[in-house]
C-alpha atoms as a PDB file:
ATOM      1  CA  MET A   1      38.851   0.944   6.504  1.00  0.00           C
ATOM      2  CA  ALA A   2      36.975   4.162   7.310  1.00  0.00           C
ATOM      3  CA  LEU A   3      33.986   4.260   9.609  1.00  0.00           C
ATOM      4  CA  SER A   4      30.726   5.100   7.771  1.00  0.00           C
ATOM      5  CA  ASP A   5      27.822   6.771   9.561  1.00  0.00           C
ATOM      6  CA  LEU A   6      24.554   5.366   8.164  1.00  0.00           C
ATOM      7  CA  SER A   7      22.333   7.075  10.755  1.00  0.00           C
ATOM      8  CA  VAL A   8      19.156   8.824   9.688  1.00  0.00           C
ATOM      9  CA  GLU A   9      20.788  12.220  10.297  1.00  0.00           C
ATOM     10  CA  ASN A  10      23.048  11.531   7.292  1.00  0.00           C
ATOM     11  CA  THR A  11      20.225  10.266   5.092  1.00  0.00           C
ATOM     12  CA  ILE A  12      18.151  12.019   2.455  1.00  0.00           C
ATOM     13  CA  VAL A  13      14.935  10.360   1.254  1.00  0.00           C
ATOM     14  CA  VAL A  14      12.878  12.334  -1.258  1.00  0.00           C
ATOM     15  CA  ILE A  15       9.401  11.456  -2.534  1.00  0.00           C
ATOM     16  CA  THR A  16       8.148  13.569  -5.426  1.00  0.00           C
ATOM     17  CA  GLY A  17       5.117  15.595  -4.349  1.00  0.00           C
ATOM     18  CA  VAL A  18       6.011  15.395  -0.649  1.00  0.00           C
ATOM     19  CA  GLY A  19       9.668  16.451  -0.613  1.00  0.00           C
ATOM     20  CA  VAL A  20      12.454  15.446   1.754  1.00  0.00           C
ATOM     21  CA  ILE A  21      11.206  12.893   4.278  1.00  0.00           C
ATOM     22  CA  ASP A  22      12.546  13.592   7.764  1.00  0.00           C
ATOM     23  CA  ASP A  23       9.646  13.199  10.217  1.00  0.00           C
ATOM     24  CA  TRP A  24      10.559   9.592  11.043  1.00  0.00           C
ATOM     25  CA  GLY A  25       8.543   7.609  13.541  1.00  0.00           C
ATOM     26  CA  ARG A  26       9.742   5.232  16.259  1.00  0.00           C
ATOM     27  CA  THR A  27      10.077   2.085  14.127  1.00  0.00           C
ATOM     28  CA  ASP A  28      13.650   0.916  13.681  1.00  0.00           C
ATOM     29  CA  PRO A  29      14.741   1.066  10.902  1.00  0.00           C
ATOM     30  CA  PRO A  30      12.730   4.132   9.859  1.00  0.00           C
ATOM     31  CA  PHE A  31      12.752   3.051   6.197  1.00  0.00           C
ATOM     32  CA  THR A  32      13.786   0.100   4.065  1.00  0.00           C
ATOM     33  CA  VAL A  33      14.791  -0.133   0.417  1.00  0.00           C
ATOM     34  CA  GLU A  34      14.594  -3.632  -1.070  1.00  0.00           C
ATOM     35  CA  GLN A  35      14.029  -5.403  -4.362  1.00  0.00           C
ATOM     36  CA  ILE A  36      10.499  -6.689  -4.977  1.00  0.00           C
ATOM     37  CA  ASP A  37      11.571  -9.849  -6.808  1.00  0.00           C
ATOM     38  CA  ASP A  38      14.725 -11.921  -6.696  1.00  0.00           C
ATOM     39  CA  LYS A  39      17.308 -10.811  -9.254  1.00  0.00           C
ATOM     40  CA  SER A  40      17.859 -14.411 -10.381  1.00  0.00           C
ATOM     41  CA  THR A  41      16.146 -17.752  -9.857  1.00  0.00           C
ATOM     42  CA  LEU A  42      17.922 -21.087 -10.059  1.00  0.00           C
ATOM     43  CA  SER A  43      15.978 -24.201 -11.103  1.00  0.00           C
ATOM     44  CA  ARG A  44      17.840 -27.425 -10.287  1.00  0.00           C
ATOM     45  CA  GLY A  45      16.883 -30.640 -12.045  1.00  0.00           C
ATOM     46  CA  LEU A  46      16.904 -34.155 -10.642  1.00  0.00           C
ATOM     47  CA  GLY A  47      19.598 -35.131 -13.161  1.00  0.00           C
ATOM     48  CA  GLY A  48      22.112 -32.699 -11.663  1.00  0.00           C
ATOM     49  CA  ASN A  49      21.833 -29.886 -14.214  1.00  0.00           C
ATOM     50  CA  ALA A  50      20.354 -26.457 -13.599  1.00  0.00           C
ATOM     51  CA  VAL A  51      19.010 -23.449 -15.447  1.00  0.00           C
ATOM     52  CA  LYS A  52      18.744 -19.860 -14.337  1.00  0.00           C
ATOM     53  CA  PHE A  53      16.272 -17.092 -14.952  1.00  0.00           C
ATOM     54  CA  THR A  54      17.582 -13.561 -14.470  1.00  0.00           C
ATOM     55  CA  ARG A  55      15.267 -10.565 -14.313  1.00  0.00           C
ATOM     56  CA  LYS A  56      16.234  -7.460 -16.202  1.00  0.00           C
ATOM     57  CA  ASN A  57      14.332  -5.348 -13.693  1.00  0.00           C
ATOM     58  CA  PRO A  58      13.427  -6.832 -10.286  1.00  0.00           C
ATOM     59  CA  GLY A  59      11.679  -3.633  -9.148  1.00  0.00           C
ATOM     60  CA  LEU A  60      12.123  -1.804  -5.877  1.00  0.00           C
ATOM     61  CA  ARG A  61      10.024  -1.532  -2.694  1.00  0.00           C
ATOM     62  CA  LEU A  62      10.322   1.437  -0.324  1.00  0.00           C
ATOM     63  CA  THR A  63       8.746   1.237   3.134  1.00  0.00           C
ATOM     64  CA  VAL A  64       8.716   4.403   5.258  1.00  0.00           C
ATOM     65  CA  ASN A  65       7.616   4.780   8.896  1.00  0.00           C
ATOM     66  CA  LEU A  66       6.549   8.320   9.809  1.00  0.00           C
ATOM     67  CA  MET A  67       5.156  10.055  12.858  1.00  0.00           C
ATOM     68  CA  PRO A  68       1.357   9.728  12.832  1.00  0.00           C
ATOM     69  CA  GLY A  69      -0.406  12.939  11.858  1.00  0.00           C
ATOM     70  CA  SER A  70       2.753  14.625  10.569  1.00  0.00           C
ATOM     71  CA  PRO A  71       2.465  16.800   7.447  1.00  0.00           C
ATOM     72  CA  GLN A  72       4.598  14.283   5.536  1.00  0.00           C
ATOM     73  CA  ALA A  73       2.310  11.394   6.552  1.00  0.00           C
ATOM     74  CA  VAL A  74      -0.687  13.437   5.397  1.00  0.00           C
ATOM     75  CA  GLY A  75       1.098  14.213   2.109  1.00  0.00           C
ATOM     76  CA  LEU A  76       1.903  10.566   1.458  1.00  0.00           C
ATOM     77  CA  GLN A  77      -1.678   9.558   2.249  1.00  0.00           C
ATOM     78  CA  ALA A  78      -2.859  12.162  -0.282  1.00  0.00           C
ATOM     79  CA  LEU A  79      -0.641  10.466  -2.917  1.00  0.00           C
ATOM     80  CA  VAL A  80      -2.202   7.121  -1.994  1.00  0.00           C
ATOM     81  CA  ASN A  81      -5.752   8.481  -2.192  1.00  0.00           C
ATOM     82  CA  SER A  82      -5.174  10.191  -5.541  1.00  0.00           C
ATOM     83  CA  GLY A  83      -3.414   7.236  -7.168  1.00  0.00           C
ATOM     84  CA  THR A  84      -0.622   9.551  -8.339  1.00  0.00           C
ATOM     85  CA  GLU A  85       2.524   8.051  -9.863  1.00  0.00           C
ATOM     86  CA  VAL A  86       5.364   8.163  -7.343  1.00  0.00           C
ATOM     87  CA  SER A  87       9.108   8.659  -7.806  1.00  0.00           C
ATOM     88  CA  GLY A  88      11.985   9.616  -5.556  1.00  0.00           C
ATOM     89  CA  SER A  89      15.495   8.985  -4.340  1.00  0.00           C
ATOM     90  CA  TYR A  90      17.580   7.924  -1.364  1.00  0.00           C
ATOM     91  CA  ALA A  91      21.122   8.998  -0.519  1.00  0.00           C
ATOM     92  CA  SER A  92      23.371   8.263   2.427  1.00  0.00           C
ATOM     93  CA  ILE A  93      25.853  11.135   2.615  1.00  0.00           C
ATOM     94  CA  ALA A  94      28.493   9.396   4.735  1.00  0.00           C
ATOM     95  CA  GLY A  95      27.797   5.853   3.525  1.00  0.00           C
ATOM     96  CA  LEU A  96      28.252   6.536  -0.185  1.00  0.00           C
ATOM     97  CA  GLU A  97      25.170   4.557  -1.132  1.00  0.00           C
ATOM     98  CA  GLY A  98      21.834   5.444  -2.618  1.00  0.00           C
ATOM     99  CA  ALA A  99      19.010   4.647  -4.990  1.00  0.00           C
ATOM    100  CA  VAL A 100      16.739   6.372  -7.475  1.00  0.00           C
ATOM    101  CA  PHE A 101      13.281   5.057  -8.245  1.00  0.00           C
ATOM    102  CA  SER A 102      10.462   5.951 -10.667  1.00  0.00           C
ATOM    103  CA  GLU A 103       7.277   4.636 -12.281  1.00  0.00           C
ATOM    104  CA  GLY A 104       5.938   3.822  -8.839  1.00  0.00           C
ATOM    105  CA  VAL A 105       2.675   3.428  -6.997  1.00  0.00           C
ATOM    106  CA  ALA A 106       1.798   3.513  -3.323  1.00  0.00           C
ATOM    107  CA  THR A 107       0.653  -0.052  -2.695  1.00  0.00           C
ATOM    108  CA  ARG A 108      -0.371   0.526   0.926  1.00  0.00           C
ATOM    109  CA  GLY A 109      -1.562   3.636   2.664  1.00  0.00           C
ATOM    110  CA  LYS A 110      -0.887   4.369   6.293  1.00  0.00           C
ATOM    111  CA  SER A 111      -1.554   1.715   8.865  1.00  0.00           C
ATOM    112  CA  MET A 112      -3.268   2.921  12.034  1.00  0.00           C
ATOM    113  CA  GLY A 113      -2.894   1.244  15.416  1.00  0.00           C
ATOM    114  CA  ARG A 114      -4.498   3.726  17.819  1.00  0.00           C
ATOM    115  CA  GLY A 115      -6.338   3.990  21.117  1.00  0.00           C
ATOM    116  CA  GLY A 116      -3.513   3.404  23.567  1.00  0.00           C
ATOM    117  CA  PRO A 117       0.086   4.163  24.482  1.00  0.00           C
ATOM    118  CA  GLY A 118       1.315   1.562  21.954  1.00  0.00           C
ATOM    119  CA  MET A 119       0.259   3.669  18.971  1.00  0.00           C
ATOM    120  CA  ASN A 120       2.126   2.645  15.806  1.00  0.00           C
ATOM    121  CA  ASP A 121       3.866   4.734  13.156  1.00  0.00           C
ATOM    122  CA  ALA A 122       2.186   5.741   9.913  1.00  0.00           C
ATOM    123  CA  THR A 123       3.710   3.109   7.633  1.00  0.00           C
ATOM    124  CA  PHE A 124       3.566   3.475   3.836  1.00  0.00           C
ATOM    125  CA  ILE A 125       4.712   1.016   1.172  1.00  0.00           C
ATOM    126  CA  MET A 126       5.593   2.092  -2.357  1.00  0.00           C
ATOM    127  CA  GLU A 127       6.726  -0.090  -5.248  1.00  0.00           C
ATOM    128  CA  PHE A 128       8.643   1.071  -8.312  1.00  0.00           C
ATOM    129  CA  ASN A 129       9.154  -0.377 -11.773  1.00  0.00           C
ATOM    130  CA  LYS A 130      12.361   1.540 -12.540  1.00  0.00           C
ATOM    131  CA  GLU A 131      15.201   1.604 -10.043  1.00  0.00           C
ATOM    132  CA  GLY A 132      18.877   2.170  -9.767  1.00  0.00           C
ATOM    133  CA  ILE A 133      20.794   1.180  -6.668  1.00  0.00           C
ATOM    134  CA  LEU A 134      24.219   2.716  -6.175  1.00  0.00           C
END
């Protein structure tokens, strides 16, 4: 088995309108890609039988943590303020994994914890209707 390097240096995250995201903050991990809804739901009956419900499209959530005040954080906040449709992609060069996402909206603009040495990252959450995870 080969060793894969999934570090941020081998990662490409692109958000349309902002470009390649690389001004990561201090939060670990710097970004997460996850499904919004469960792919399938199992309903178990008292009689011992069960039924399942499988979603055709569970959607995708992308959370990014950027350095506060960075040009990329400002660009993402501009997308939030304008209500622009968001799309993008993620690729791990050494890990051979990735995702593409479209028909998205920014559901949360940057969070701001300021006024002291414990200042937080500029965290943005985007959700997408169309996704493909590799």
